[in-house]
């Protein structure tokens, strides 16, 4: 059964008692949070110690990354976590966790089932 072959992992998480969209993608090396979420929930940010530009998120346009934040979230009723995220403009989701999050949590991805296991 190949119905998960081309699907990315999408889920929901809770941030400040609000349901937010979440994508986990092992193809990149930056954990990010949408600036619209940060603004709407009035989440605190700090200046990024090493500002840089991203190009892959918006068709051909570069995004200057100047802020970061420690994002606290809940998945389900039992999994709580905090992730250091760069704050960017994006439309795909509210939060996008990449390779650093997977590595730090020893998250295991089952591509056939499109699930993650986190201990």
C-alpha atoms as a PDB file:
ATOM      1  CA  UNK A   1       0.000   0.000   0.000  1.00  0.00           C
ATOM      2  CA  UNK A   2       1.658   3.202  -1.220  1.00  0.00           C
ATOM      3  CA  UNK A   3      -0.924   5.753  -0.029  1.00  0.00           C
ATOM      4  CA  UNK A   4       1.646   7.428   2.314  1.00  0.00           C
ATOM      5  CA  UNK A   5       4.507   7.452  -0.222  1.00  0.00           C
ATOM      6  CA  UNK A   6       4.154  11.128  -1.199  1.00  0.00           C
ATOM      7  CA  UNK A   7       2.579  12.522   1.983  1.00  0.00           C
ATOM      8  CA  UNK A   8       4.448  14.695   4.420  1.00  0.00           C
ATOM      9  CA  UNK A   9       3.819  14.242   8.134  1.00  0.00           C
ATOM     10  CA  UNK A  10       1.197  16.711   9.310  1.00  0.00           C
ATOM     11  CA  UNK A  11      -0.407  16.928  12.718  1.00  0.00           C
ATOM     12  CA  UNK A  12      -1.765  19.335  15.291  1.00  0.00           C
ATOM     13  CA  UNK A  13      -0.227  20.632  18.486  1.00  0.00           C
ATOM     14  CA  UNK A  14      -1.352  22.894  21.305  1.00  0.00           C
ATOM     15  CA  UNK A  15       0.430  26.208  21.864  1.00  0.00           C
ATOM     16  CA  UNK A  16      -0.908  28.476  24.612  1.00  0.00           C
ATOM     17  CA  UNK A  17      -4.185  26.508  24.642  1.00  0.00           C
ATOM     18  CA  UNK A  18      -4.658  26.983  20.880  1.00  0.00           C
ATOM     19  CA  UNK A  19      -4.700  24.207  18.262  1.00  0.00           C
ATOM     20  CA  UNK A  20      -1.934  24.826  15.704  1.00  0.00           C
ATOM     21  CA  UNK A  21      -0.743  23.029  12.585  1.00  0.00           C
ATOM     22  CA  UNK A  22       2.532  21.113  12.678  1.00  0.00           C
ATOM     23  CA  UNK A  23       4.699  19.562   9.962  1.00  0.00           C
ATOM     24  CA  UNK A  24       7.713  17.343  10.597  1.00  0.00           C
ATOM     25  CA  UNK A  25      10.123  17.171   7.661  1.00  0.00           C
ATOM     26  CA  UNK A  26      13.575  15.616   7.802  1.00  0.00           C
ATOM     27  CA  UNK A  27      14.743  17.284   4.603  1.00  0.00           C
ATOM     28  CA  UNK A  28      15.997  20.545   6.037  1.00  0.00           C
ATOM     29  CA  UNK A  29      18.039  21.713   8.981  1.00  0.00           C
ATOM     30  CA  UNK A  30      16.049  24.535  10.591  1.00  0.00           C
ATOM     31  CA  UNK A  31      13.130  24.429  13.039  1.00  0.00           C
ATOM     32  CA  UNK A  32      10.780  27.315  12.269  1.00  0.00           C
ATOM     33  CA  UNK A  33       7.609  28.948  13.542  1.00  0.00           C
ATOM     34  CA  UNK A  34       5.333  31.249  11.544  1.00  0.00           C
ATOM     35  CA  UNK A  35       5.477  34.932  12.433  1.00  0.00           C
ATOM     36  CA  UNK A  36       1.669  35.075  12.143  1.00  0.00           C
ATOM     37  CA  UNK A  37       1.408  32.575  15.024  1.00  0.00           C
ATOM     38  CA  UNK A  38       3.979  34.480  17.081  1.00  0.00           C
ATOM     39  CA  UNK A  39       2.089  37.745  16.564  1.00  0.00           C
ATOM     40  CA  UNK A  40      -1.383  36.293  17.157  1.00  0.00           C
ATOM     41  CA  UNK A  41      -0.434  34.495  20.390  1.00  0.00           C
ATOM     42  CA  UNK A  42       1.910  37.288  21.496  1.00  0.00           C
ATOM     43  CA  UNK A  43       4.801  34.858  21.916  1.00  0.00           C
ATOM     44  CA  UNK A  44       8.118  36.343  23.084  1.00  0.00           C
ATOM     45  CA  UNK A  45      11.046  36.416  20.653  1.00  0.00           C
ATOM     46  CA  UNK A  46      14.683  37.429  20.843  1.00  0.00           C
ATOM     47  CA  UNK A  47      17.095  38.772  18.269  1.00  0.00           C
ATOM     48  CA  UNK A  48      18.744  36.005  16.279  1.00  0.00           C
ATOM     49  CA  UNK A  49      22.466  35.837  17.180  1.00  0.00           C
ATOM     50  CA  UNK A  50      23.382  35.048  13.550  1.00  0.00           C
ATOM     51  CA  UNK A  51      20.777  36.484  11.154  1.00  0.00           C
ATOM     52  CA  UNK A  52      20.658  34.743   7.780  1.00  0.00           C
ATOM     53  CA  UNK A  53      18.514  34.429   4.653  1.00  0.00           C
ATOM     54  CA  UNK A  54      16.267  31.534   3.635  1.00  0.00           C
ATOM     55  CA  UNK A  55      15.213  31.063   0.044  1.00  0.00           C
ATOM     56  CA  UNK A  56      13.327  27.774  -0.088  1.00  0.00           C
ATOM     57  CA  UNK A  57      10.120  28.764   1.691  1.00  0.00           C
ATOM     58  CA  UNK A  58       8.660  31.354  -0.658  1.00  0.00           C
ATOM     59  CA  UNK A  59       9.069  30.926  -4.421  1.00  0.00           C
ATOM     60  CA  UNK A  60      12.434  32.474  -5.219  1.00  0.00           C
ATOM     61  CA  UNK A  61      12.191  35.215  -2.610  1.00  0.00           C
ATOM     62  CA  UNK A  62      14.647  35.379   0.243  1.00  0.00           C
ATOM     63  CA  UNK A  63      13.448  35.706   3.814  1.00  0.00           C
ATOM     64  CA  UNK A  64      15.723  37.371   6.322  1.00  0.00           C
ATOM     65  CA  UNK A  65      15.686  35.484   9.619  1.00  0.00           C
ATOM     66  CA  UNK A  66      16.258  37.967  12.441  1.00  0.00           C
ATOM     67  CA  UNK A  67      14.290  36.519  15.380  1.00  0.00           C
ATOM     68  CA  UNK A  68      14.116  33.262  17.272  1.00  0.00           C
ATOM     69  CA  UNK A  69      12.055  31.889  20.123  1.00  0.00           C
ATOM     70  CA  UNK A  70      11.740  28.960  22.481  1.00  0.00           C
ATOM     71  CA  UNK A  71       8.426  27.358  21.503  1.00  0.00           C
ATOM     72  CA  UNK A  72       6.563  25.314  24.136  1.00  0.00           C
ATOM     73  CA  UNK A  73       3.928  22.931  22.783  1.00  0.00           C
ATOM     74  CA  UNK A  74       1.880  19.824  23.534  1.00  0.00           C
ATOM     75  CA  UNK A  75       1.026  16.926  21.206  1.00  0.00           C
ATOM     76  CA  UNK A  76      -1.828  14.773  22.441  1.00  0.00           C
ATOM     77  CA  UNK A  77      -2.262  14.642  26.196  1.00  0.00           C
ATOM     78  CA  UNK A  78       1.190  13.419  27.165  1.00  0.00           C
ATOM     79  CA  UNK A  79       3.954  14.764  24.934  1.00  0.00           C
ATOM     80  CA  UNK A  80       5.253  18.175  26.017  1.00  0.00           C
ATOM     81  CA  UNK A  81       8.304  19.764  24.467  1.00  0.00           C
ATOM     82  CA  UNK A  82      10.204  22.986  23.872  1.00  0.00           C
ATOM     83  CA  UNK A  83      12.011  23.721  20.622  1.00  0.00           C
ATOM     84  CA  UNK A  84      14.226  26.639  19.680  1.00  0.00           C
ATOM     85  CA  UNK A  85      12.759  27.954  16.415  1.00  0.00           C
ATOM     86  CA  UNK A  86      13.611  30.650  13.928  1.00  0.00           C
ATOM     87  CA  UNK A  87      10.695  33.019  13.293  1.00  0.00           C
ATOM     88  CA  UNK A  88       9.781  33.380   9.621  1.00  0.00           C
ATOM     89  CA  UNK A  89       6.991  34.296   7.255  1.00  0.00           C
ATOM     90  CA  UNK A  90       5.412  31.084   5.909  1.00  0.00           C
ATOM     91  CA  UNK A  91       2.012  29.795   4.874  1.00  0.00           C
ATOM     92  CA  UNK A  92       2.502  25.998   4.943  1.00  0.00           C
ATOM     93  CA  UNK A  93       1.824  25.600   8.668  1.00  0.00           C
ATOM     94  CA  UNK A  94       2.292  27.241  12.059  1.00  0.00           C
ATOM     95  CA  UNK A  95       5.331  25.149  13.048  1.00  0.00           C
ATOM     96  CA  UNK A  96       7.829  23.172  10.991  1.00  0.00           C
ATOM     97  CA  UNK A  97      10.212  20.839  12.795  1.00  0.00           C
ATOM     98  CA  UNK A  98      13.174  19.666  10.795  1.00  0.00           C
ATOM     99  CA  UNK A  99      16.218  17.449  11.200  1.00  0.00           C
ATOM    100  CA  UNK A 100      17.557  19.150  14.405  1.00  0.00           C
ATOM    101  CA  UNK A 101      14.346  18.358  16.319  1.00  0.00           C
ATOM    102  CA  UNK A 102      14.319  14.758  15.063  1.00  0.00           C
ATOM    103  CA  UNK A 103      17.972  14.273  15.963  1.00  0.00           C
ATOM    104  CA  UNK A 104      17.698  15.841  19.431  1.00  0.00           C
ATOM    105  CA  UNK A 105      14.615  13.741  20.315  1.00  0.00           C
ATOM    106  CA  UNK A 106      15.812  10.511  18.640  1.00  0.00           C
ATOM    107  CA  UNK A 107      12.525  10.568  16.722  1.00  0.00           C
ATOM    108  CA  UNK A 108      11.966   7.567  14.478  1.00  0.00           C
ATOM    109  CA  UNK A 109       9.993   8.016  11.262  1.00  0.00           C
ATOM    110  CA  UNK A 110       8.127   5.119   9.679  1.00  0.00           C
ATOM    111  CA  UNK A 111       7.720   6.253   6.084  1.00  0.00           C
ATOM    112  CA  UNK A 112       5.234   3.516   5.159  1.00  0.00           C
ATOM    113  CA  UNK A 113       2.870   4.427   7.997  1.00  0.00           C
ATOM    114  CA  UNK A 114       3.874   8.132   8.022  1.00  0.00           C
ATOM    115  CA  UNK A 115       4.225   8.092  11.801  1.00  0.00           C
ATOM    116  CA  UNK A 116       6.830   9.266  14.309  1.00  0.00           C
ATOM    117  CA  UNK A 117       7.866   7.526  17.498  1.00  0.00           C
ATOM    118  CA  UNK A 118       9.333   9.688  20.248  1.00  0.00           C
ATOM    119  CA  UNK A 119      10.549   8.285  23.558  1.00  0.00           C
END
